[in-house]
Amino acid sequence: MKTTRSKDGTKLAYDVTGKGPALIYITGATCYRQFNPVLYDVSVFSEEFTVYNYDRRGRGDSGNTLPYAVEREVEDIEAMIDAAGGQGYLYGHSSGAILALKAAMALGSKVTKLVIYDAAYSHNKAYLEEFKGLSSELYQLLDEGKNQEAITGFLEGIGIPQEAFDSFYPDWSAMVALAPTLAYDTTLASTLAPVNELASLTTPTQIIVGEKSPESIQEVALQLKAAIPHAAYTLLKGQDHMPAPEVVLSVLTHFLKS
């Protein structure tokens, strides 16, 4: 384990794996660097890249300086890029994709290329209102210390089928412990995709979405494709919100190394 410090002094824990260009991996809700699916992703991605796998603030071995703000998480990404030598590729998944987009807009040439998978924005105002209702219920459960109910309600609310829960079993206790950080992810996803702002994004961008991912996320991907100048777009056949890293790696390699 290595550590660095964000601009506000928060300790960030990370691991470095592989050889090749630096790739900062930005995970989604309730993920952390030792989460089994994340470790498997990293083992595959590191065949082609030097992967910087870090604990987002409030998770794993990283700190959690309060109050929370999205801008602090962008500063965390900048700290990771600096640890990687001052420039790097970003790969963001789900709410991590939202963070990656924000970082690319804020950090300019430090982000050389950007890849996002299943960016977890709402696709329209009606869905956003439903999501805000889910968020309110989530905050109440967290206030009452009902972390397990909060995790379950969140996963069901965003369309993760019950049968998929079994795959989380080895990491379930860790996910429950990380439930309070869901408040950070819901804050990230509390707006529609900022299509007007993204029209000025100059970072070369690859958008990926799973064929079996929720329809709302598929619609968001198309909105982002239309908004970001010259963005590449890939619909991954047979993949859902938790894609096989081998399939993702083929897109990463083609886009980032071309």
Protein backbone atom coordinates (compact mmCIF):
# COMPACT_ATOMS: atom_id res chain seq x y z
CA MET A 1 0.00 0.00 0.00
CA LYS A 2 1.16 3.51 -0.86
CA THR A 3 -0.28 6.79 0.39
CA THR A 4 -0.47 10.38 -0.76
CA ARG A 5 -2.29 13.49 0.42
CA SER A 6 -5.09 15.41 -1.22
CA LYS A 7 -5.17 19.21 -1.27
CA ASP A 8 -7.13 19.35 2.01
CA GLY A 9 -4.70 16.97 3.73
CA THR A 10 -6.84 13.82 3.43
CA LYS A 11 -4.77 10.64 3.26
CA LEU A 12 -5.39 8.59 0.11
CA ALA A 13 -4.39 4.93 0.06
CA TYR A 14 -3.57 3.26 -3.23
CA ASP A 15 -1.84 0.34 -4.93
CA VAL A 16 0.15 0.36 -8.17
CA THR A 17 0.01 -2.70 -10.40
CA GLY A 18 1.32 -3.51 -13.87
CA LYS A 19 3.39 -1.85 -16.55
CA GLY A 20 2.60 0.66 -19.27
CA PRO A 21 0.83 4.04 -19.33
CA ALA A 22 -0.68 5.26 -16.03
CA LEU A 23 -4.40 4.50 -15.65
CA ILE A 24 -6.27 5.93 -12.63
CA TYR A 25 -9.18 3.61 -11.76
CA ILE A 26 -12.13 5.49 -10.20
CA THR A 27 -14.61 3.07 -8.66
CA GLY A 28 -18.35 3.38 -8.07
CA ALA A 29 -20.64 3.13 -5.06
CA THR A 30 -19.53 0.93 -2.12
CA CYS A 31 -16.42 -0.17 -3.99
CA TYR A 32 -12.93 0.11 -2.54
CA ARG A 33 -9.52 -1.00 -3.68
CA GLN A 34 -9.65 -4.43 -1.97
CA PHE A 35 -13.18 -5.24 -3.22
CA ASN A 36 -12.89 -8.59 -5.02
CA PRO A 37 -14.41 -7.40 -8.33
CA VAL A 38 -12.09 -4.36 -8.27
CA LEU A 39 -9.05 -6.56 -7.65
CA TYR A 40 -10.04 -8.73 -10.59
CA ASP A 41 -10.50 -5.67 -12.82
CA VAL A 42 -7.06 -4.42 -11.81
CA SER A 43 -5.41 -7.79 -12.47
CA VAL A 44 -6.78 -7.70 -16.02
CA PHE A 45 -6.20 -4.00 -16.75
CA SER A 46 -2.61 -4.25 -15.49
CA GLU A 47 -1.78 -6.51 -18.44
CA GLU A 48 -1.62 -3.32 -20.54
CA PHE A 49 -1.46 -0.41 -18.06
CA THR A 50 0.11 0.72 -14.80
CA VAL A 51 -3.09 0.79 -12.76
CA TYR A 52 -3.48 3.21 -9.85
CA ASN A 53 -6.19 1.62 -7.72
CA TYR A 54 -7.10 3.95 -4.85
CA ASP A 55 -9.60 4.10 -2.01
CA ARG A 56 -11.93 7.03 -2.54
CA ARG A 57 -12.25 9.16 0.59
CA GLY A 58 -14.21 7.52 3.37
CA ARG A 59 -13.34 4.03 2.12
CA GLY A 60 -10.77 1.40 2.97
CA ASP A 61 -7.52 2.91 4.22
CA SER A 62 -8.18 6.47 3.02
CA GLY A 63 -9.22 9.33 5.26
CA ASN A 64 -12.57 11.10 5.34
CA THR A 65 -12.12 14.80 6.01
CA LEU A 66 -15.49 16.52 6.46
CA PRO A 67 -17.55 18.25 5.23
CA TYR A 68 -17.88 16.32 2.01
CA ALA A 69 -17.86 18.14 -1.32
CA VAL A 70 -17.60 16.83 -4.86
CA GLU A 71 -14.72 19.27 -5.43
CA ARG A 72 -12.68 17.44 -2.78
CA GLU A 73 -13.03 14.18 -4.70
CA VAL A 74 -11.82 15.93 -7.86
CA GLU A 75 -8.81 17.12 -5.86
CA ASP A 76 -8.27 13.51 -4.78
CA ILE A 77 -8.08 12.48 -8.44
CA GLU A 78 -5.59 15.28 -9.09
CA ALA A 79 -3.47 13.96 -6.21
CA MET A 80 -3.55 10.50 -7.77
CA ILE A 81 -2.54 11.90 -11.17
CA ASP A 82 0.34 13.74 -9.48
CA ALA A 83 1.38 10.49 -7.80
CA ALA A 84 1.40 8.90 -11.26
CA GLY A 85 3.77 11.55 -12.62
CA GLY A 86 1.54 14.52 -13.39
CA GLN A 87 -0.49 13.13 -16.30
CA GLY A 88 -2.58 10.02 -16.84
CA TYR A 89 -5.59 8.25 -18.26
CA LEU A 90 -8.81 8.06 -16.23
CA TYR A 91 -11.19 5.11 -16.17
CA GLY A 92 -14.38 5.74 -14.18
CA HIS A 93 -17.19 3.27 -13.46
CA SER A 94 -20.77 4.29 -12.50
CA SER A 95 -20.55 7.19 -10.00
CA GLY A 96 -16.81 7.01 -10.61
CA ALA A 97 -17.56 7.85 -14.25
CA ILE A 98 -19.29 11.03 -13.09
CA LEU A 99 -16.20 11.90 -11.05
CA ALA A 100 -13.95 11.17 -14.02
CA LEU A 101 -15.96 13.54 -16.21
CA LYS A 102 -15.77 16.27 -13.58
CA ALA A 103 -12.03 15.74 -13.21
CA ALA A 104 -11.46 15.94 -16.96
CA MET A 105 -13.38 19.23 -17.09
CA ALA A 106 -11.45 20.65 -14.13
CA LEU A 107 -7.90 19.37 -14.63
CA GLY A 108 -7.27 20.08 -18.30
CA SER A 109 -4.09 18.56 -19.76
CA LYS A 110 -3.42 16.47 -16.63
CA VAL A 111 -6.08 14.09 -17.98
CA THR A 112 -4.69 12.88 -21.31
CA LYS A 113 -7.60 10.58 -22.18
CA LEU A 114 -10.86 9.63 -20.48
CA VAL A 115 -12.89 6.40 -20.49
CA ILE A 116 -16.23 6.12 -18.68
CA TYR A 117 -18.46 3.09 -18.14
CA ASP A 118 -22.18 3.40 -17.26
CA ALA A 119 -22.10 7.00 -15.99
CA ALA A 120 -24.79 7.00 -13.28
CA TYR A 121 -26.71 10.19 -14.08
CA SER A 122 -30.50 10.25 -14.35
CA HIS A 123 -31.72 10.33 -17.94
CA ASN A 124 -34.69 12.66 -17.42
CA LYS A 125 -36.32 14.88 -14.80
CA ALA A 126 -38.95 12.33 -13.76
CA TYR A 127 -36.29 9.68 -13.08
CA LEU A 128 -34.19 12.26 -11.23
CA GLU A 129 -37.12 13.00 -8.90
CA GLU A 130 -37.47 9.26 -8.21
CA PHE A 131 -33.76 9.10 -7.48
CA LYS A 132 -34.01 12.02 -5.07
CA GLY A 133 -36.81 10.16 -3.28
CA LEU A 134 -34.57 7.08 -3.04
CA SER A 135 -31.79 9.28 -1.71
CA SER A 136 -34.03 10.72 1.02
CA GLU A 137 -34.98 7.21 2.16
CA LEU A 138 -31.31 6.26 2.08
CA TYR A 139 -30.27 9.21 4.26
CA GLN A 140 -32.97 8.31 6.82
CA LEU A 141 -31.77 4.71 7.03
CA LEU A 142 -28.16 5.86 7.42
CA ASP A 143 -29.17 8.32 10.16
CA GLU A 144 -30.82 5.40 11.97
CA GLY A 145 -27.69 3.27 11.60
CA LYS A 146 -29.46 0.78 9.32
CA ASN A 147 -26.54 0.30 6.97
CA GLN A 148 -27.59 -3.09 5.61
CA GLU A 149 -31.09 -1.87 4.77
CA ALA A 150 -29.55 1.21 3.15
CA ILE A 151 -27.28 -0.88 0.92
CA THR A 152 -30.06 -3.26 -0.08
CA GLY A 153 -32.51 -0.44 -0.80
CA PHE A 154 -29.94 1.45 -2.83
CA LEU A 155 -28.97 -1.54 -4.99
CA GLU A 156 -32.60 -2.42 -5.64
CA GLY A 157 -33.46 1.22 -6.30
CA ILE A 158 -30.82 1.60 -9.03
CA GLY A 159 -31.96 -1.57 -10.77
CA ILE A 160 -29.48 -4.20 -9.55
CA PRO A 161 -31.45 -7.49 -9.58
CA GLN A 162 -31.71 -9.54 -6.38
CA GLU A 163 -29.99 -12.51 -8.02
CA ALA A 164 -26.88 -10.36 -8.49
CA PHE A 165 -26.58 -9.84 -4.73
CA ASP A 166 -25.05 -13.30 -4.32
CA SER A 167 -21.97 -12.17 -6.23
CA PHE A 168 -21.40 -9.51 -3.56
CA TYR A 169 -21.52 -12.03 -0.69
CA PRO A 170 -17.74 -12.28 -0.05
CA ASP A 171 -17.58 -8.48 0.26
CA TRP A 172 -20.98 -7.88 1.83
CA SER A 173 -19.78 -6.96 5.33
CA ALA A 174 -17.30 -4.45 3.87
CA MET A 175 -20.03 -2.97 1.66
CA VAL A 176 -22.29 -2.56 4.70
CA ALA A 177 -19.47 -0.79 6.55
CA LEU A 178 -19.10 1.56 3.57
CA ALA A 179 -22.82 2.38 3.42
CA PRO A 180 -22.36 5.94 4.77
CA THR A 181 -20.35 6.81 1.64
CA LEU A 182 -23.49 6.20 -0.44
CA ALA A 183 -24.37 9.75 0.55
CA TYR A 184 -21.35 10.86 -1.52
CA ASP A 185 -22.44 8.85 -4.55
CA THR A 186 -26.01 10.11 -4.42
CA THR A 187 -24.67 13.67 -4.20
CA LEU A 188 -22.64 13.02 -7.36
CA ALA A 189 -25.67 11.64 -9.17
CA SER A 190 -28.16 14.29 -8.00
CA THR A 191 -28.28 16.16 -11.31
CA LEU A 192 -28.95 15.41 -14.95
CA ALA A 193 -25.92 14.98 -17.19
CA PRO A 194 -24.35 18.45 -17.64
CA VAL A 195 -24.59 18.36 -21.43
CA ASN A 196 -24.07 22.10 -21.90
CA GLU A 197 -20.82 22.08 -19.89
CA LEU A 198 -19.59 18.93 -21.60
CA ALA A 199 -19.85 20.60 -24.99
CA SER A 200 -16.57 22.39 -24.13
CA LEU A 201 -14.72 19.23 -23.02
CA THR A 202 -11.55 18.82 -25.07
CA THR A 203 -10.21 15.63 -23.47
CA PRO A 204 -10.41 12.67 -25.88
CA THR A 205 -13.26 10.60 -24.45
CA GLN A 206 -14.49 7.02 -24.82
CA ILE A 207 -18.02 6.26 -23.61
CA ILE A 208 -18.84 2.62 -22.83
CA VAL A 209 -22.22 1.24 -21.78
CA GLY A 210 -23.39 -2.32 -21.18
CA GLU A 211 -26.02 -3.80 -23.47
CA LYS A 212 -27.74 -5.24 -20.38
CA SER A 213 -27.27 -2.15 -18.19
CA PRO A 214 -30.43 -0.28 -17.10
CA GLU A 215 -32.19 1.56 -19.93
CA SER A 216 -31.78 4.86 -18.09
CA ILE A 217 -27.98 4.46 -18.08
CA GLN A 218 -28.02 3.53 -21.76
CA GLU A 219 -29.94 6.73 -22.51
CA VAL A 220 -27.43 8.76 -20.47
CA ALA A 221 -24.61 7.28 -22.55
CA LEU A 222 -26.31 8.49 -25.73
CA GLN A 223 -26.78 11.95 -24.21
CA LEU A 224 -23.08 12.09 -23.37
CA LYS A 225 -22.16 10.88 -26.86
CA ALA A 226 -24.18 13.74 -28.36
CA ALA A 227 -22.75 16.32 -25.94
CA ILE A 228 -19.00 15.57 -25.89
CA PRO A 229 -17.21 16.63 -29.06
CA HIS A 230 -15.79 13.70 -31.05
CA ALA A 231 -16.52 11.21 -28.26
CA ALA A 232 -16.13 7.54 -29.13
CA TYR A 233 -19.07 5.32 -28.13
CA THR A 234 -19.17 1.55 -27.55
CA LEU A 235 -22.14 -0.61 -26.57
CA LEU A 236 -20.68 -3.75 -25.01
CA LYS A 237 -22.67 -6.77 -26.13
CA GLY A 238 -23.80 -9.07 -23.34
CA GLN A 239 -22.43 -6.88 -20.54
CA ASP A 240 -24.32 -5.36 -17.62
CA HIS A 241 -23.41 -2.80 -14.96
CA MET A 242 -20.62 -5.08 -13.70
CA PRO A 243 -18.81 -5.91 -16.95
CA ALA A 244 -16.19 -8.55 -17.58
CA PRO A 245 -12.86 -6.69 -17.38
CA GLU A 246 -11.45 -8.68 -20.30
CA VAL A 247 -14.12 -7.16 -22.54
CA VAL A 248 -13.54 -3.67 -21.15
CA LEU A 249 -9.78 -4.04 -21.59
CA SER A 250 -10.14 -4.52 -25.33
CA VAL A 251 -11.87 -1.11 -25.57
CA LEU A 252 -9.40 0.53 -23.18
CA THR A 253 -6.42 -0.73 -25.15
CA HIS A 254 -7.83 0.23 -28.54
CA PHE A 255 -8.80 3.74 -27.43
CA LEU A 256 -6.00 4.65 -25.05
CA LYS A 257 -3.11 3.18 -27.02
CA SER A 258 -4.21 4.30 -30.48
